[in-house]
């Protein structure tokens, strides 16, 4: 049984929560299944809007599906959350990811 299977089993047993959803999203990204990751990461940020790592992964998953405007919106929210918590490293990382998307959108 894989880690992903274990997390899915936990969810099926009703042990839902932001950390489990974040973990599921992360595992789905590792499995190259960003659409499935998005479902869980959106739920993670709904359950715990102040979890900057979930916002960062959500932005990544959205970018991987080509939903660049949505990815930018997730990164913007994540940066605001991270800065509000003093999580400067996460804010910097998301800023870099935003710049890459903007450059991509500009055709370069």
C-alpha atoms as a PDB file:
ATOM      1  CA  UNK A   1       0.000   0.000   0.000  1.00  0.00           C
ATOM      2  CA  UNK A   2       1.399   3.394  -0.993  1.00  0.00           C
ATOM      3  CA  UNK A   3       1.488   6.548   1.056  1.00  0.00           C
ATOM      4  CA  UNK A   4      -1.217   7.933  -1.198  1.00  0.00           C
ATOM      5  CA  UNK A   5      -3.374   4.864  -0.528  1.00  0.00           C
ATOM      6  CA  UNK A   6      -2.879   5.299   3.214  1.00  0.00           C
ATOM      7  CA  UNK A   7      -3.914   8.954   3.081  1.00  0.00           C
ATOM      8  CA  UNK A   8      -6.968   8.128   0.959  1.00  0.00           C
ATOM      9  CA  UNK A   9      -7.936   5.419   3.445  1.00  0.00           C
ATOM     10  CA  UNK A  10      -7.651   7.908   6.310  1.00  0.00           C
ATOM     11  CA  UNK A  11      -9.900  10.331   4.445  1.00  0.00           C
ATOM     12  CA  UNK A  12     -12.434   7.577   3.733  1.00  0.00           C
ATOM     13  CA  UNK A  13     -12.475   6.787   7.462  1.00  0.00           C
ATOM     14  CA  UNK A  14     -13.539  10.362   8.180  1.00  0.00           C
ATOM     15  CA  UNK A  15     -10.222  11.665   9.468  1.00  0.00           C
ATOM     16  CA  UNK A  16     -10.425  14.806   7.362  1.00  0.00           C
ATOM     17  CA  UNK A  17      -8.365  17.880   8.105  1.00  0.00           C
ATOM     18  CA  UNK A  18      -6.156  20.513   6.538  1.00  0.00           C
ATOM     19  CA  UNK A  19      -2.922  18.584   7.114  1.00  0.00           C
ATOM     20  CA  UNK A  20      -4.346  15.410   5.579  1.00  0.00           C
ATOM     21  CA  UNK A  21      -5.618  17.364   2.576  1.00  0.00           C
ATOM     22  CA  UNK A  22      -2.225  19.060   2.195  1.00  0.00           C
ATOM     23  CA  UNK A  23      -0.531  15.668   2.362  1.00  0.00           C
ATOM     24  CA  UNK A  24      -2.900  14.227  -0.229  1.00  0.00           C
ATOM     25  CA  UNK A  25      -2.273  17.170  -2.519  1.00  0.00           C
ATOM     26  CA  UNK A  26       1.463  16.741  -2.146  1.00  0.00           C
ATOM     27  CA  UNK A  27       1.287  13.015  -2.922  1.00  0.00           C
ATOM     28  CA  UNK A  28      -0.920  13.604  -5.962  1.00  0.00           C
ATOM     29  CA  UNK A  29       1.611  16.128  -7.252  1.00  0.00           C
ATOM     30  CA  UNK A  30       4.383  13.572  -6.771  1.00  0.00           C
ATOM     31  CA  UNK A  31       2.252  11.116  -8.771  1.00  0.00           C
ATOM     32  CA  UNK A  32       1.924  13.684 -11.586  1.00  0.00           C
ATOM     33  CA  UNK A  33      -1.803  14.082 -10.952  1.00  0.00           C
ATOM     34  CA  UNK A  34      -2.160  17.848 -10.444  1.00  0.00           C
ATOM     35  CA  UNK A  35      -5.926  17.914 -11.060  1.00  0.00           C
ATOM     36  CA  UNK A  36      -6.455  15.532  -8.138  1.00  0.00           C
ATOM     37  CA  UNK A  37      -4.009  17.574  -6.074  1.00  0.00           C
ATOM     38  CA  UNK A  38      -6.000  20.754  -6.699  1.00  0.00           C
ATOM     39  CA  UNK A  39      -9.163  19.238  -5.209  1.00  0.00           C
ATOM     40  CA  UNK A  40      -7.398  18.423  -1.941  1.00  0.00           C
ATOM     41  CA  UNK A  41      -5.337  21.594  -1.764  1.00  0.00           C
ATOM     42  CA  UNK A  42      -8.391  23.792  -2.268  1.00  0.00           C
ATOM     43  CA  UNK A  43      -9.986  21.967   0.639  1.00  0.00           C
ATOM     44  CA  UNK A  44      -6.817  22.369   2.711  1.00  0.00           C
ATOM     45  CA  UNK A  45      -6.858  26.162   2.311  1.00  0.00           C
ATOM     46  CA  UNK A  46     -10.595  26.238   2.965  1.00  0.00           C
ATOM     47  CA  UNK A  47     -10.104  24.330   6.220  1.00  0.00           C
ATOM     48  CA  UNK A  48      -7.003  26.293   7.244  1.00  0.00           C
ATOM     49  CA  UNK A  49      -6.632  29.525   5.256  1.00  0.00           C
ATOM     50  CA  UNK A  50      -3.494  30.448   7.195  1.00  0.00           C
ATOM     51  CA  UNK A  51      -1.434  27.482   6.013  1.00  0.00           C
ATOM     52  CA  UNK A  52       1.000  29.081   3.578  1.00  0.00           C
ATOM     53  CA  UNK A  53       2.480  25.751   2.426  1.00  0.00           C
ATOM     54  CA  UNK A  54      -0.952  24.698   1.150  1.00  0.00           C
ATOM     55  CA  UNK A  55      -1.253  27.917  -0.830  1.00  0.00           C
ATOM     56  CA  UNK A  56       2.191  27.354  -2.321  1.00  0.00           C
ATOM     57  CA  UNK A  57       1.357  23.800  -3.411  1.00  0.00           C
ATOM     58  CA  UNK A  58      -2.030  24.903  -4.731  1.00  0.00           C
ATOM     59  CA  UNK A  59      -0.311  27.507  -6.892  1.00  0.00           C
ATOM     60  CA  UNK A  60       2.091  24.886  -8.194  1.00  0.00           C
ATOM     61  CA  UNK A  61      -0.688  22.408  -8.984  1.00  0.00           C
ATOM     62  CA  UNK A  62      -2.713  25.065 -10.792  1.00  0.00           C
ATOM     63  CA  UNK A  63       0.341  26.131 -12.789  1.00  0.00           C
ATOM     64  CA  UNK A  64       0.992  22.519 -13.781  1.00  0.00           C
ATOM     65  CA  UNK A  65      -2.508  22.283 -15.254  1.00  0.00           C
ATOM     66  CA  UNK A  66      -2.024  25.520 -17.193  1.00  0.00           C
ATOM     67  CA  UNK A  67      -4.440  27.520 -15.020  1.00  0.00           C
ATOM     68  CA  UNK A  68      -1.909  30.329 -14.736  1.00  0.00           C
ATOM     69  CA  UNK A  69      -4.280  33.102 -13.657  1.00  0.00           C
ATOM     70  CA  UNK A  70      -5.627  30.876 -10.885  1.00  0.00           C
ATOM     71  CA  UNK A  71      -2.060  29.957  -9.908  1.00  0.00           C
ATOM     72  CA  UNK A  72      -1.167  33.640  -9.640  1.00  0.00           C
ATOM     73  CA  UNK A  73      -4.224  34.251  -7.461  1.00  0.00           C
ATOM     74  CA  UNK A  74      -3.256  31.351  -5.172  1.00  0.00           C
ATOM     75  CA  UNK A  75       0.303  32.643  -4.898  1.00  0.00           C
ATOM     76  CA  UNK A  76      -0.927  36.170  -4.114  1.00  0.00           C
ATOM     77  CA  UNK A  77      -3.116  34.826  -1.316  1.00  0.00           C
ATOM     78  CA  UNK A  78      -0.294  32.612  -0.113  1.00  0.00           C
ATOM     79  CA  UNK A  79       2.141  35.509  -0.018  1.00  0.00           C
ATOM     80  CA  UNK A  80      -0.300  37.582   2.025  1.00  0.00           C
ATOM     81  CA  UNK A  81      -0.771  34.672   4.447  1.00  0.00           C
ATOM     82  CA  UNK A  82       2.967  33.988   4.689  1.00  0.00           C
ATOM     83  CA  UNK A  83       3.857  37.641   5.251  1.00  0.00           C
ATOM     84  CA  UNK A  84       1.140  37.912   7.888  1.00  0.00           C
ATOM     85  CA  UNK A  85       2.715  35.003   9.761  1.00  0.00           C
ATOM     86  CA  UNK A  86       6.287  36.178   9.269  1.00  0.00           C
ATOM     87  CA  UNK A  87       7.036  33.215   6.995  1.00  0.00           C
ATOM     88  CA  UNK A  88       9.369  35.241   4.802  1.00  0.00           C
ATOM     89  CA  UNK A  89      10.965  32.260   3.017  1.00  0.00           C
ATOM     90  CA  UNK A  90       7.610  30.953   1.778  1.00  0.00           C
ATOM     91  CA  UNK A  91       6.627  34.448   0.640  1.00  0.00           C
ATOM     92  CA  UNK A  92       9.897  34.780  -1.281  1.00  0.00           C
ATOM     93  CA  UNK A  93       9.465  31.396  -2.947  1.00  0.00           C
ATOM     94  CA  UNK A  94       5.931  32.197  -4.059  1.00  0.00           C
ATOM     95  CA  UNK A  95       7.104  35.573  -5.366  1.00  0.00           C
ATOM     96  CA  UNK A  96       9.692  33.798  -7.518  1.00  0.00           C
ATOM     97  CA  UNK A  97       7.037  31.396  -8.824  1.00  0.00           C
ATOM     98  CA  UNK A  98       4.759  34.328  -9.652  1.00  0.00           C
ATOM     99  CA  UNK A  99       7.532  36.031 -11.607  1.00  0.00           C
ATOM    100  CA  UNK A 100       8.155  32.857 -13.611  1.00  0.00           C
ATOM    101  CA  UNK A 101       4.470  32.629 -14.514  1.00  0.00           C
ATOM    102  CA  UNK A 102       4.340  36.319 -15.468  1.00  0.00           C
ATOM    103  CA  UNK A 103       7.382  35.801 -17.683  1.00  0.00           C
ATOM    104  CA  UNK A 104       5.769  32.746 -19.236  1.00  0.00           C
ATOM    105  CA  UNK A 105       2.560  34.667 -19.893  1.00  0.00           C
ATOM    106  CA  UNK A 106       4.562  37.448 -21.503  1.00  0.00           C
ATOM    107  CA  UNK A 107       6.003  34.908 -23.920  1.00  0.00           C
ATOM    108  CA  UNK A 108       9.484  34.754 -22.579  1.00  0.00           C
END
